[in-house]
Amino acid sequence: AASTQHQHEVPHTTAEKFYIEACDDGAGDVLAIDRVSTEVTLAVRKDIPPSAVTRPMCGIMGTIRLVAGMYLIVITKKKKVGDLLGHAIWKATDFDIVSYKKTVLHLTDTQMQDNKAFLSMINSVLNTDGFFFATDYDLTHTLQRLANTSPEFQEMTLLERVREISFLSSSCCINGKIFDWNIISRRSCFRAGVRYYIRGIDSEGHAANFVETEQIVQYNGAKASFVQTRGSIPFYWSQRPNLKYKPKPQISKSVNHLDGFQRHFDSQIITYGKQVILNLVNQKGSEKPLEQAFAKMVDSLGNGMIKYVAFDFHKECSRMRWHRLQILVDMVAEIQNEFGYFLVDSDGTVQLQQDGTFRSNCMDCLDRTNVIQSLLARRSLQSQLERIGVLHVGQRIEEQADFEKIYKNAWADNANACAKQYAGTGALKTDFTRTGKRTQWGLLMDGWNSMIRYYKNNFSDGFRQDSIDLFLGNYAVEEADMNTPLHEPKDWKFLTLPIIMVVAFSMCIICLLMAGDTWTETLAYVLFWGSASVVTAGVILFNGRDFVDAPKLVQKEKMD
């Protein structure tokens, strides 16, 4: 997420310094950044030279060191996307990456190419939807955490609390009563990355694709929130892309899983209280060992604060039996009532606290997970709207057609936002989230998105992972670096085998189109070239990892 100190800022640029001036009334200080020493100091307006080049901007993202030196990343455009508790929420829509150096002529041709590649990585992350900020409110934490914060936390800068965010806001009306309803999804910056390269947990217990989703409703000064989490199955496992549609998951056999597993849940219990794990993976096939290992580790931990619930989503909902999701909702209804939700009345008095969270997961923690979270969130919202006086006793949210449409579309949009950041496409199964039933068109769109995911996961996710690692500082570039990992030579098979396969397949087609003097001669040529293309394709698939786009900056095998 981006955070700014001021609603509008003006950078003044000279050959020696950047001067960042706030446009707020009464703001006299100016941030001065030395373009040579990179020192950051406070100055006053009269220190800005008249010759400085001036242009407006909306905020500072930060600074980063690349091969050419330091760069300043600024937000140049923003769009208001809604309000939260009376605070304007903005989406950063355009950015600029400004070099401290006035020229790159001091670099060699190779260094210039590397610097250009690193800049394209930063731009790739900035162009990913999901940078939201507020100038006078902390979007990165739940209402309950903000209400229970320590003085030390209040003194932390927004930058120290930062996380990537998805924000959806609606002003709604039921029974003539207008209320605000929001969904905020906060994606952890720890163990961040893309679908197949980042799975499981790291040694600190941080889970891949960990997202905290908070649903907030406000009416007549009262406000309520319900929080859920999602995250990769929290032990050491991987699922490297290898050209197969669904690579087989591998559970690491060389590490003590329970240490990282315990760290993960210790952190979750401190932050959220009691934990109910909703494991939605298949209980057969390649996903079965993960489900069994997860259940076994929960038993081994023996922590009374953690409850494990396994629900085979695909089996239960096979043959379009989506009504069977109610089985899971009913199964955990009593626990959900016990957990409750956070509620503050119109006088600002805390009436209720949420005492635990549902931690949902499937393989990607995207499609199946989002469907279940939307159902649990609706059940909580039903109780909240009754409590704050929007719904009458006996009324159901499902009967409020206008709001139900807003609700379903918002949760489907939330699914898409989370999926684009992790898998590279919109979510699957959003037709059910939007309409409450599976449709033939939805199945067709799922097939299309699955094909795009296959291509991206195998042929472009290495670049996306490198971009995220560079942006988050997992890989640090040294100025004027001569030996970046971007130039690792490809194995001979990478070019040779695809060329042989294409040539052999082309010759097979040509032989079919231009038949020989006899059918036996044509058949012999077709069999020869067809066999050559099939054997080559088999060798490529067997060595699939050599042909996918793998990350270069951080060796993920060492991190698992």
Protein backbone atom coordinates (compact mmCIF):
# COMPACT_ATOMS: atom_id res chain seq x y z
CA ALA A 1 0.00 0.00 0.00
CA ALA A 2 1.10 3.53 -0.55
CA SER A 3 0.96 6.07 2.22
CA THR A 4 1.47 9.80 2.01
CA GLN A 5 1.91 12.45 4.63
CA HIS A 6 -0.02 15.10 2.71
CA GLN A 7 -2.96 15.23 0.37
CA HIS A 8 -0.95 17.11 -2.25
CA GLU A 9 2.77 17.67 -2.54
CA VAL A 10 4.92 19.60 -4.97
CA PRO A 11 8.41 18.44 -5.91
CA HIS A 12 10.89 21.12 -6.90
CA THR A 13 13.87 19.70 -8.77
CA THR A 14 17.32 21.23 -9.12
CA ALA A 15 20.61 19.72 -10.29
CA GLU A 16 21.65 19.13 -6.66
CA LYS A 17 18.41 18.42 -4.74
CA PHE A 18 14.75 17.41 -4.71
CA TYR A 19 12.55 19.67 -2.57
CA ILE A 20 9.19 18.13 -1.55
CA GLU A 21 6.74 20.81 -0.41
CA ALA A 22 3.42 20.01 1.25
CA CYS A 23 0.44 22.03 0.02
CA ASP A 24 -1.42 21.82 3.34
CA ASP A 25 -2.37 25.10 4.98
CA GLY A 26 0.25 26.13 7.51
CA ALA A 27 2.84 23.57 6.37
CA GLY A 28 6.17 25.42 6.38
CA ASP A 29 8.71 22.60 6.31
CA VAL A 30 10.12 21.23 3.07
CA LEU A 31 11.70 17.81 2.63
CA ALA A 32 15.11 18.17 0.95
CA ILE A 33 16.78 15.16 -0.69
CA ASP A 34 20.40 15.56 -1.77
CA ARG A 35 20.81 13.92 -5.19
CA VAL A 36 24.52 13.26 -4.62
CA SER A 37 24.86 12.20 -0.98
CA THR A 38 21.19 10.92 -0.82
CA GLU A 39 20.90 12.66 2.59
CA VAL A 40 17.34 13.61 3.61
CA THR A 41 16.87 16.79 5.67
CA LEU A 42 14.17 19.30 6.59
CA ALA A 43 14.38 22.76 5.03
CA VAL A 44 12.06 25.76 4.69
CA ARG A 45 10.36 27.23 1.63
CA LYS A 46 12.83 30.06 1.21
CA ASP A 47 15.59 27.44 0.66
CA ILE A 48 13.98 26.39 -2.65
CA PRO A 49 15.90 28.07 -5.53
CA PRO A 50 13.73 30.09 -7.95
CA SER A 51 15.25 28.09 -10.83
CA ALA A 52 13.84 24.77 -9.51
CA VAL A 53 11.56 22.87 -11.90
CA THR A 54 8.14 22.37 -10.27
CA ARG A 55 5.29 19.91 -10.85
CA PRO A 56 2.42 18.55 -8.70
CA MET A 57 2.27 15.05 -7.24
CA CYS A 58 0.17 13.13 -4.73
CA GLY A 59 2.75 11.46 -2.52
CA ILE A 60 6.03 9.63 -2.13
CA MET A 61 6.18 5.84 -2.44
CA GLY A 62 9.80 5.62 -1.36
CA THR A 63 13.32 5.29 -2.72
CA ILE A 64 15.19 2.35 -4.24
CA ARG A 65 18.78 1.74 -5.31
CA LEU A 66 19.33 0.31 -8.81
CA VAL A 67 22.45 -0.09 -10.94
CA ALA A 68 22.39 3.59 -12.01
CA GLY A 69 22.04 4.75 -8.41
CA MET A 70 19.13 5.92 -6.25
CA TYR A 71 15.62 6.53 -7.59
CA LEU A 72 12.67 8.39 -6.04
CA ILE A 73 9.26 6.76 -6.62
CA VAL A 74 6.38 9.24 -6.50
CA ILE A 75 2.61 8.98 -6.95
CA THR A 76 1.60 11.32 -9.77
CA LYS A 77 -2.14 10.53 -10.02
CA LYS A 78 -4.77 9.30 -7.60
CA LYS A 79 -8.48 8.52 -7.70
CA LYS A 80 -10.95 8.64 -4.83
CA VAL A 81 -12.54 5.21 -4.43
CA GLY A 82 -14.71 5.79 -1.38
CA ASP A 83 -14.85 6.80 2.25
CA LEU A 84 -14.15 4.82 5.39
CA LEU A 85 -15.52 6.16 8.69
CA GLY A 86 -15.51 9.67 7.21
CA HIS A 87 -11.97 9.45 5.82
CA ALA A 88 -11.31 9.70 2.08
CA ILE A 89 -9.68 6.58 0.56
CA TRP A 90 -7.52 7.07 -2.52
CA LYS A 91 -6.17 4.69 -5.14
CA ALA A 92 -2.74 5.48 -6.58
CA THR A 93 -3.19 5.21 -10.36
CA ASP A 94 0.04 6.55 -11.83
CA PHE A 95 3.65 6.74 -10.70
CA ASP A 96 6.97 8.19 -11.76
CA ILE A 97 10.45 6.83 -11.05
CA VAL A 98 12.89 9.74 -10.88
CA SER A 99 16.65 9.17 -10.98
CA TYR A 100 18.93 10.99 -8.54
CA LYS A 101 21.62 10.90 -11.23
CA LYS A 102 21.35 13.31 -14.10
CA THR A 103 22.84 10.83 -16.60
CA VAL A 104 23.56 7.13 -17.03
CA LEU A 105 26.59 7.64 -19.28
CA HIS A 106 28.86 6.31 -16.51
CA LEU A 107 27.37 2.83 -17.04
CA THR A 108 28.55 0.16 -19.46
CA ASP A 109 26.13 -1.24 -22.05
CA THR A 110 25.50 -4.32 -19.89
CA GLN A 111 24.85 -2.18 -16.81
CA MET A 112 22.42 -0.02 -18.80
CA GLN A 113 20.53 -3.14 -19.89
CA ASP A 114 20.40 -4.40 -16.29
CA ASN A 115 19.21 -1.02 -15.02
CA LYS A 116 16.50 -0.96 -17.69
CA ALA A 117 15.42 -4.48 -16.68
CA PHE A 118 15.23 -3.49 -13.00
CA LEU A 119 13.19 -0.38 -13.87
CA SER A 120 10.75 -2.53 -15.86
CA MET A 121 10.39 -4.79 -12.79
CA ILE A 122 9.53 -1.83 -10.55
CA ASN A 123 7.04 -0.57 -13.12
CA SER A 124 5.51 -4.04 -13.32
CA VAL A 125 4.72 -3.99 -9.57
CA LEU A 126 3.48 -0.39 -9.65
CA ASN A 127 1.12 -1.26 -12.52
CA THR A 128 -0.46 -4.06 -10.46
CA ASP A 129 -3.85 -2.96 -9.16
CA GLY A 130 -3.88 -2.60 -5.41
CA PHE A 131 -2.18 0.52 -4.05
CA PHE A 132 -4.63 2.36 -1.79
CA PHE A 133 -3.96 5.00 0.84
CA ALA A 134 -5.57 7.48 3.20
CA THR A 135 -3.87 10.67 4.32
CA ASP A 136 -5.50 10.80 7.76
CA TYR A 137 -6.39 7.19 8.61
CA ASP A 138 -4.50 3.90 9.08
CA LEU A 139 -5.93 1.51 6.48
CA THR A 140 -3.47 -1.24 7.35
CA HIS A 141 -5.11 -2.40 10.59
CA THR A 142 -8.55 -3.57 11.70
CA LEU A 143 -10.96 -1.45 13.72
CA GLN A 144 -10.45 -3.74 16.70
CA ARG A 145 -6.64 -3.48 16.61
CA LEU A 146 -6.79 0.29 16.28
CA ALA A 147 -9.13 0.45 19.27
CA ASN A 148 -6.76 -1.66 21.38
CA THR A 149 -3.39 -0.24 20.32
CA SER A 150 -0.53 0.59 22.65
CA PRO A 151 1.06 4.07 22.79
CA GLU A 152 4.15 2.60 21.07
CA PHE A 153 2.00 1.47 18.14
CA GLN A 154 0.36 4.88 17.83
CA GLU A 155 3.83 6.44 17.50
CA MET A 156 4.77 4.16 14.57
CA THR A 157 4.73 5.80 11.15
CA LEU A 158 2.26 4.55 8.55
CA LEU A 159 5.28 3.34 6.59
CA GLU A 160 6.20 0.95 9.41
CA ARG A 161 2.71 -0.58 9.35
CA VAL A 162 2.36 -0.80 5.56
CA ARG A 163 0.67 -3.65 3.62
CA GLU A 164 -0.74 -4.11 0.12
CA ILE A 165 -4.49 -3.46 0.18
CA SER A 166 -7.67 -4.13 -1.78
CA PHE A 167 -10.47 -1.70 -0.90
CA LEU A 168 -14.16 -1.86 -1.90
CA SER A 169 -16.70 0.68 -0.66
CA SER A 170 -20.47 1.08 -1.10
CA SER A 171 -23.19 3.31 0.27
CA CYS A 172 -26.22 1.04 0.65
CA CYS A 173 -29.88 1.32 1.58
CA ILE A 174 -32.20 -1.18 3.29
CA ASN A 175 -35.61 -0.21 4.72
CA GLY A 176 -34.85 3.38 3.74
CA LYS A 177 -31.83 3.39 6.04
CA ILE A 178 -28.56 4.42 4.39
CA PHE A 179 -25.39 2.76 5.68
CA ASP A 180 -21.78 2.39 4.53
CA TRP A 181 -20.40 -1.07 3.81
CA ASN A 182 -16.73 -1.82 3.05
CA ILE A 183 -14.45 -4.76 2.34
CA ILE A 184 -10.72 -4.31 2.96
CA SER A 185 -8.25 -7.08 2.10
CA ARG A 186 -4.71 -6.59 3.38
CA ARG A 187 -2.03 -8.77 1.80
CA SER A 188 1.05 -9.46 3.92
CA CYS A 189 4.40 -8.25 2.57
CA PHE A 190 6.10 -11.26 4.20
CA ARG A 191 6.66 -14.28 1.95
CA ALA A 192 5.02 -12.34 -0.86
CA GLY A 193 5.12 -13.61 -4.41
CA VAL A 194 3.36 -15.49 -7.16
CA ARG A 195 1.33 -18.65 -7.18
CA TYR A 196 3.67 -21.61 -7.84
CA TYR A 197 6.94 -20.09 -6.64
CA ILE A 198 5.74 -19.08 -3.17
CA ARG A 199 3.95 -21.76 -1.17
CA GLY A 200 3.85 -22.79 2.50
CA ILE A 201 5.75 -20.83 5.15
CA ASP A 202 9.23 -19.45 5.83
CA SER A 203 11.37 -20.08 8.91
CA GLU A 204 9.65 -17.22 10.79
CA GLY A 205 6.22 -18.78 10.24
CA HIS A 206 5.03 -16.25 7.62
CA ALA A 207 2.59 -17.93 5.22
CA ALA A 208 2.49 -17.34 1.47
CA ASN A 209 -0.45 -15.31 0.12
CA PHE A 210 -1.56 -14.39 3.63
CA VAL A 211 -4.50 -12.00 3.42
CA GLU A 212 -6.53 -10.42 6.21
CA THR A 213 -10.04 -9.48 5.04
CA GLU A 214 -12.19 -7.11 7.10
CA GLN A 215 -15.83 -6.35 6.42
CA ILE A 216 -16.94 -3.02 7.96
CA VAL A 217 -20.45 -1.62 8.27
CA GLN A 218 -21.34 1.84 9.65
CA TYR A 219 -24.77 3.28 10.43
CA ASN A 220 -25.76 6.30 12.54
CA GLY A 221 -22.35 6.50 14.19
CA ALA A 222 -22.27 2.79 15.13
CA LYS A 223 -19.68 0.64 13.40
CA ALA A 224 -19.05 -3.09 13.26
CA SER A 225 -16.37 -5.24 11.67
CA PHE A 226 -15.81 -8.93 10.99
CA VAL A 227 -12.31 -10.23 10.21
CA GLN A 228 -11.23 -13.42 8.43
CA THR A 229 -7.83 -14.58 7.21
CA ARG A 230 -6.49 -16.80 4.46
CA GLY A 231 -3.02 -18.16 3.89
CA SER A 232 -1.09 -21.01 2.35
CA ILE A 233 -1.01 -24.35 4.20
CA PRO A 234 1.49 -23.42 6.96
CA PHE A 235 4.32 -25.91 6.69
CA TYR A 236 7.23 -26.40 4.29
CA TRP A 237 6.01 -27.48 0.86
CA SER A 238 6.49 -26.40 -2.73
CA GLN A 239 4.83 -26.76 -6.13
CA ARG A 240 7.34 -25.63 -8.76
CA PRO A 241 5.98 -25.08 -12.29
CA ASN A 242 7.23 -27.72 -14.74
CA LEU A 243 4.99 -27.29 -17.85
CA LYS A 244 2.39 -29.68 -16.44
CA TYR A 245 -1.08 -28.22 -15.94
CA LYS A 246 -1.04 -29.02 -12.23
CA PRO A 247 2.44 -29.71 -10.80
CA LYS A 248 2.55 -32.23 -7.98
CA PRO A 249 2.99 -30.62 -4.54
CA GLN A 250 6.12 -31.68 -2.66
CA ILE A 251 6.30 -31.70 1.15
CA SER A 252 9.85 -31.06 2.35
CA LYS A 253 11.42 -34.05 4.12
CA SER A 254 14.55 -32.30 5.40
CA VAL A 255 13.14 -29.81 7.91
CA ASN A 256 11.24 -29.77 11.18
CA HIS A 257 7.80 -28.60 10.10
CA LEU A 258 6.44 -28.19 13.60
CA ASP A 259 8.78 -25.28 14.51
CA GLY A 260 7.58 -23.01 11.69
CA PHE A 261 4.01 -24.30 12.09
CA GLN A 262 3.99 -23.33 15.78
CA ARG A 263 5.52 -19.91 15.07
CA HIS A 264 2.77 -19.26 12.52
CA PHE A 265 -0.10 -20.09 14.87
CA ASP A 266 1.50 -18.44 17.89
CA SER A 267 1.51 -15.23 15.84
CA GLN A 268 -2.08 -15.77 14.67
CA ILE A 269 -3.37 -16.39 18.20
CA ILE A 270 -1.62 -13.26 19.53
CA THR A 271 -3.12 -11.16 16.73
CA TYR A 272 -6.57 -12.69 16.30
CA GLY A 273 -7.33 -14.99 19.25
CA LYS A 274 -8.80 -18.47 18.72
CA GLN A 275 -8.26 -20.06 15.31
CA VAL A 276 -10.62 -22.24 13.28
CA ILE A 277 -8.85 -23.69 10.26
CA LEU A 278 -11.10 -24.32 7.26
CA ASN A 279 -9.06 -26.57 4.96
CA LEU A 280 -10.88 -26.78 1.62
CA VAL A 281 -8.39 -28.88 -0.37
CA ASN A 282 -9.27 -32.19 -2.06
CA GLN A 283 -9.05 -35.23 0.21
CA LYS A 284 -7.85 -37.43 -2.64
CA GLY A 285 -5.24 -37.23 -5.40
CA SER A 286 -2.21 -34.94 -5.20
CA GLU A 287 -3.78 -32.66 -2.56
CA LYS A 288 -4.52 -35.50 -0.12
CA PRO A 289 -1.00 -35.66 1.48
CA LEU A 290 -1.22 -31.92 2.27
CA GLU A 291 -4.58 -32.35 4.00
CA GLN A 292 -3.32 -35.32 6.00
CA ALA A 293 -0.11 -33.53 7.02
CA PHE A 294 -2.06 -30.42 8.08
CA ALA A 295 -4.45 -32.43 10.26
CA LYS A 296 -1.57 -34.39 11.80
CA MET A 297 0.35 -31.22 12.71
CA VAL A 298 -2.66 -29.63 14.38
CA ASP A 299 -3.03 -32.80 16.46
CA SER A 300 0.71 -32.80 17.28
CA LEU A 301 0.56 -29.17 18.39
CA GLY A 302 -2.22 -29.96 20.85
CA ASN A 303 -3.24 -26.32 21.22
CA GLY A 304 -6.80 -25.86 22.53
CA MET A 305 -6.98 -22.46 20.80
CA ILE A 306 -6.87 -24.15 17.37
CA LYS A 307 -9.69 -26.18 15.80
CA TYR A 308 -9.25 -27.98 12.47
CA VAL A 309 -12.13 -28.48 10.01
CA ALA A 310 -11.55 -30.31 6.71
CA PHE A 311 -14.12 -29.80 3.94
CA ASP A 312 -13.50 -31.28 0.48
CA PHE A 313 -14.95 -28.38 -1.51
CA HIS A 314 -14.76 -30.02 -4.95
CA LYS A 315 -16.21 -33.34 -3.79
CA GLU A 316 -19.08 -31.76 -1.86
CA CYS A 317 -19.98 -29.34 -4.66
CA SER A 318 -19.40 -31.71 -7.61
CA ARG A 319 -22.08 -31.89 -10.31
CA MET A 320 -23.11 -28.28 -9.58
CA ARG A 321 -24.34 -29.07 -6.03
CA TRP A 322 -23.33 -25.66 -4.70
CA HIS A 323 -26.11 -25.63 -2.13
CA ARG A 324 -23.98 -28.12 -0.16
CA LEU A 325 -21.70 -25.29 0.94
CA GLN A 326 -24.37 -24.65 3.57
CA ILE A 327 -23.16 -27.87 5.24
CA LEU A 328 -19.89 -26.15 6.17
CA VAL A 329 -21.59 -22.90 7.18
CA ASP A 330 -23.93 -24.81 9.49
CA MET A 331 -21.02 -26.89 10.83
CA VAL A 332 -19.20 -23.79 12.12
CA ALA A 333 -22.26 -21.63 12.92
CA GLU A 334 -22.03 -22.15 16.67
CA ILE A 335 -18.31 -21.28 16.68
CA GLN A 336 -18.99 -18.16 14.59
CA ASN A 337 -21.59 -17.05 17.12
CA GLU A 338 -19.03 -17.60 19.89
CA PHE A 339 -16.35 -15.56 18.05
CA GLY A 340 -18.77 -12.70 17.42
CA TYR A 341 -17.59 -9.47 15.81
CA PHE A 342 -16.24 -6.06 16.81
CA LEU A 343 -18.93 -3.47 17.59
CA VAL A 344 -18.74 0.18 18.67
CA ASP A 345 -21.94 2.08 19.42
CA SER A 346 -22.74 5.64 18.35
CA ASP A 347 -21.20 7.00 21.58
CA GLY A 348 -17.85 5.40 20.73
CA THR A 349 -18.17 2.71 23.41
CA VAL A 350 -16.89 -0.76 22.50
CA GLN A 351 -19.84 -3.16 22.91
CA LEU A 352 -18.37 -6.39 21.48
CA GLN A 353 -14.94 -7.80 20.62
CA GLN A 354 -14.23 -10.50 18.04
CA ASP A 355 -12.60 -13.36 19.96
CA GLY A 356 -11.31 -15.51 17.12
CA THR A 357 -11.02 -15.84 13.35
CA PHE A 358 -11.63 -18.36 10.62
CA ARG A 359 -8.39 -19.12 8.75
CA SER A 360 -9.46 -20.50 5.36
CA ASN A 361 -7.24 -22.14 2.77
CA CYS A 362 -7.35 -24.14 -0.41
CA MET A 363 -4.28 -24.70 -2.60
CA ASP A 364 -3.98 -21.11 -3.84
CA CYS A 365 -6.17 -19.53 -1.12
CA LEU A 366 -8.09 -17.79 -3.89
CA ASP A 367 -11.14 -19.30 -5.55
CA ARG A 368 -12.59 -21.84 -3.10
CA THR A 369 -11.44 -19.72 -0.17
CA ASN A 370 -13.20 -16.57 -1.37
CA VAL A 371 -16.52 -18.40 -1.86
CA ILE A 372 -16.49 -19.65 1.74
CA GLN A 373 -15.37 -16.30 3.15
CA SER A 374 -18.23 -14.50 1.40
CA LEU A 375 -20.76 -16.91 2.98
CA LEU A 376 -19.35 -16.49 6.50
CA ALA A 377 -19.18 -12.71 6.06
CA ARG A 378 -22.84 -12.59 5.01
CA ARG A 379 -23.85 -14.53 8.11
CA SER A 380 -21.95 -12.06 10.32
CA LEU A 381 -23.41 -9.08 8.45
CA GLN A 382 -26.93 -10.41 9.04
CA SER A 383 -26.34 -10.23 12.80
CA GLN A 384 -24.60 -6.84 12.62
CA LEU A 385 -27.36 -5.15 10.60
CA GLU A 386 -29.97 -6.47 13.01
CA ARG A 387 -27.96 -5.23 16.01
CA ILE A 388 -27.43 -1.68 14.70
CA GLY A 389 -31.05 -1.35 13.57
CA VAL A 390 -30.89 -1.57 9.79
CA LEU A 391 -32.69 -4.93 9.45
CA HIS A 392 -35.97 -5.70 11.19
CA VAL A 393 -36.33 -8.90 13.17
CA GLY A 394 -37.03 -11.77 10.77
CA GLN A 395 -35.67 -9.98 7.69
CA ARG A 396 -32.93 -11.71 5.71
CA ILE A 397 -30.12 -10.12 3.69
CA GLU A 398 -30.86 -12.55 0.86
CA GLU A 399 -34.32 -10.97 0.50
CA GLN A 400 -32.89 -7.46 -0.05
CA ALA A 401 -32.40 -7.74 -3.82
CA ASP A 402 -30.55 -4.44 -4.40
CA PHE A 403 -28.12 -4.92 -1.53
CA GLU A 404 -27.63 -8.62 -2.29
CA LYS A 405 -26.45 -7.69 -5.80
CA ILE A 406 -23.99 -5.12 -4.38
CA TYR A 407 -22.78 -7.65 -1.79
CA LYS A 408 -22.14 -10.46 -4.26
CA ASN A 409 -20.42 -8.26 -6.83
CA ALA A 410 -18.16 -6.69 -4.19
CA TRP A 411 -17.01 -10.10 -2.92
CA ALA A 412 -16.40 -11.24 -6.51
CA ASP A 413 -14.35 -8.08 -7.13
CA ASN A 414 -12.42 -8.79 -3.93
CA ALA A 415 -11.70 -12.30 -5.24
CA ASN A 416 -10.42 -10.88 -8.52
CA ALA A 417 -8.16 -8.36 -6.78
CA CYS A 418 -6.54 -11.04 -4.60
CA ALA A 419 -6.21 -13.46 -7.53
CA LYS A 420 -4.59 -10.97 -9.91
CA GLN A 421 -1.84 -10.25 -7.38
CA TYR A 422 -1.04 -13.93 -6.73
CA ALA A 423 -2.10 -15.94 -9.82
CA GLY A 424 -1.98 -13.27 -12.53
CA THR A 425 -5.68 -13.52 -13.55
CA GLY A 426 -9.08 -12.88 -12.07
CA ALA A 427 -10.51 -15.47 -9.70
CA LEU A 428 -12.37 -18.62 -10.71
CA LYS A 429 -15.91 -19.46 -9.52
CA THR A 430 -16.87 -15.77 -9.33
CA ASP A 431 -20.11 -16.54 -11.18
CA PHE A 432 -21.28 -18.30 -8.00
CA THR A 433 -20.15 -15.39 -5.82
CA ARG A 434 -21.96 -12.90 -8.10
CA THR A 435 -25.19 -14.85 -8.74
CA GLY A 436 -25.39 -17.57 -6.08
CA LYS A 437 -25.20 -20.35 -8.69
CA ARG A 438 -22.78 -21.84 -11.19
CA THR A 439 -23.43 -21.04 -14.85
CA GLN A 440 -22.21 -22.41 -18.17
CA TRP A 441 -20.72 -19.00 -18.98
CA GLY A 442 -18.93 -19.05 -15.63
CA LEU A 443 -17.44 -22.45 -16.43
CA LEU A 444 -16.28 -21.13 -19.82
CA MET A 445 -14.64 -18.07 -18.20
CA ASP A 446 -12.97 -20.33 -15.63
CA GLY A 447 -11.49 -22.35 -18.49
CA TRP A 448 -10.20 -19.17 -20.16
CA ASN A 449 -8.67 -17.87 -16.92
CA SER A 450 -7.13 -21.29 -16.27
CA MET A 451 -5.41 -21.19 -19.67
CA ILE A 452 -4.04 -17.70 -18.99
CA ARG A 453 -2.86 -18.84 -15.56
CA TYR A 454 -1.08 -21.81 -17.14
CA TYR A 455 0.79 -19.55 -19.56
CA LYS A 456 1.71 -16.95 -16.94
CA ASN A 457 2.69 -19.49 -14.28
CA ASN A 458 5.06 -21.23 -16.69
CA PHE A 459 6.37 -18.45 -18.93
CA SER A 460 6.17 -15.09 -17.12
CA ASP A 461 5.96 -15.66 -13.35
CA GLY A 462 9.73 -15.73 -12.91
CA PHE A 463 9.83 -12.09 -13.96
CA ARG A 464 6.84 -11.26 -11.73
CA GLN A 465 8.51 -12.93 -8.74
CA ASP A 466 11.76 -11.07 -9.38
CA SER A 467 9.79 -7.82 -9.58
CA ILE A 468 8.17 -8.43 -6.19
CA ASP A 469 11.48 -9.45 -4.57
CA LEU A 470 13.18 -6.32 -5.90
CA PHE A 471 10.31 -4.04 -4.85
CA LEU A 472 10.19 -5.44 -1.29
CA GLY A 473 13.95 -5.41 -0.82
CA ASN A 474 14.38 -9.20 -0.76
CA TYR A 475 17.05 -8.56 -3.40
CA ALA A 476 19.29 -5.51 -3.03
CA VAL A 477 20.98 -4.04 -6.10
CA GLU A 478 24.47 -2.64 -5.67
CA GLU A 479 25.19 0.60 -7.51
CA ALA A 480 27.30 0.04 -10.65
CA ASP A 481 26.93 -3.75 -10.10
CA MET A 482 28.80 -5.64 -12.82
CA ASN A 483 27.49 -9.13 -12.01
CA THR A 484 23.72 -9.24 -11.54
CA PRO A 485 21.95 -12.63 -11.71
CA LEU A 486 20.03 -11.48 -14.80
CA HIS A 487 22.58 -13.00 -17.19
CA GLU A 488 22.56 -16.63 -16.09
CA PRO A 489 23.14 -18.67 -19.28
CA LYS A 490 20.35 -20.97 -20.43
CA ASP A 491 20.96 -24.69 -20.81
CA TRP A 492 21.45 -25.88 -24.42
CA LYS A 493 18.13 -27.74 -24.22
CA PHE A 494 16.25 -24.46 -23.77
CA LEU A 495 16.64 -23.42 -27.42
CA THR A 496 17.60 -26.64 -29.19
CA LEU A 497 14.70 -28.93 -28.24
CA PRO A 498 11.84 -26.48 -29.00
CA ILE A 499 13.39 -25.77 -32.42
CA ILE A 500 13.67 -29.52 -33.16
CA MET A 501 10.05 -30.05 -32.07
CA VAL A 502 8.72 -27.20 -34.23
CA VAL A 503 10.72 -28.32 -37.27
CA ALA A 504 9.63 -31.96 -36.84
CA PHE A 505 5.97 -31.01 -36.41
CA SER A 506 6.14 -28.68 -39.44
CA MET A 507 7.67 -31.43 -41.57
CA CYS A 508 4.93 -33.81 -40.44
CA ILE A 509 2.25 -31.33 -41.62
CA ILE A 510 4.10 -30.72 -44.91
CA CYS A 511 4.30 -34.47 -45.56
CA LEU A 512 0.55 -34.76 -45.02
CA LEU A 513 -0.19 -31.86 -47.37
CA MET A 514 2.33 -32.86 -50.06
CA ALA A 515 1.82 -36.60 -50.41
CA GLY A 516 4.59 -38.73 -51.92
CA ASP A 517 4.34 -41.03 -54.93
CA THR A 518 2.91 -43.83 -52.81
CA TRP A 519 0.91 -43.91 -49.60
CA THR A 520 3.56 -46.07 -47.95
CA GLU A 521 6.22 -43.41 -48.63
CA THR A 522 3.93 -40.68 -47.23
CA LEU A 523 3.13 -42.79 -44.16
CA ALA A 524 6.83 -43.42 -43.52
CA TYR A 525 7.64 -39.71 -43.64
CA VAL A 526 4.65 -38.81 -41.42
CA LEU A 527 5.57 -41.49 -38.87
CA PHE A 528 9.20 -40.39 -38.81
CA TRP A 529 8.56 -36.69 -38.36
CA GLY A 530 5.54 -37.28 -36.10
CA SER A 531 7.61 -39.59 -33.87
CA ALA A 532 10.41 -37.02 -33.77
CA SER A 533 8.03 -34.26 -32.64
CA VAL A 534 6.33 -36.49 -30.02
CA VAL A 535 9.64 -37.74 -28.59
CA THR A 536 11.02 -34.19 -28.44
CA ALA A 537 7.84 -32.95 -26.73
CA GLY A 538 8.20 -35.80 -24.23
CA VAL A 539 11.81 -34.85 -23.47
CA ILE A 540 10.74 -31.20 -23.00
CA LEU A 541 7.97 -32.20 -20.56
CA PHE A 542 10.35 -34.54 -18.70
CA ASN A 543 12.76 -31.62 -18.26
CA GLY A 544 9.93 -29.12 -17.72
CA ARG A 545 11.71 -27.04 -15.08
CA ASP A 546 14.44 -26.12 -17.59
CA PHE A 547 11.86 -24.50 -19.86
CA VAL A 548 9.78 -22.41 -17.45
CA ASP A 549 10.49 -18.78 -16.60
CA ALA A 550 12.17 -19.12 -13.20
CA PRO A 551 13.09 -16.30 -10.78
CA LYS A 552 16.72 -15.17 -11.06
CA LEU A 553 17.20 -12.75 -8.17
CA VAL A 554 16.37 -14.92 -5.14
CA GLN A 555 16.85 -18.68 -5.20
CA LYS A 556 13.49 -19.97 -4.01
CA GLU A 557 14.75 -23.52 -3.45
CA LYS A 558 17.04 -22.16 -0.72
CA MET A 559 14.13 -20.29 0.88
CA ASP A 560 11.80 -23.31 1.13
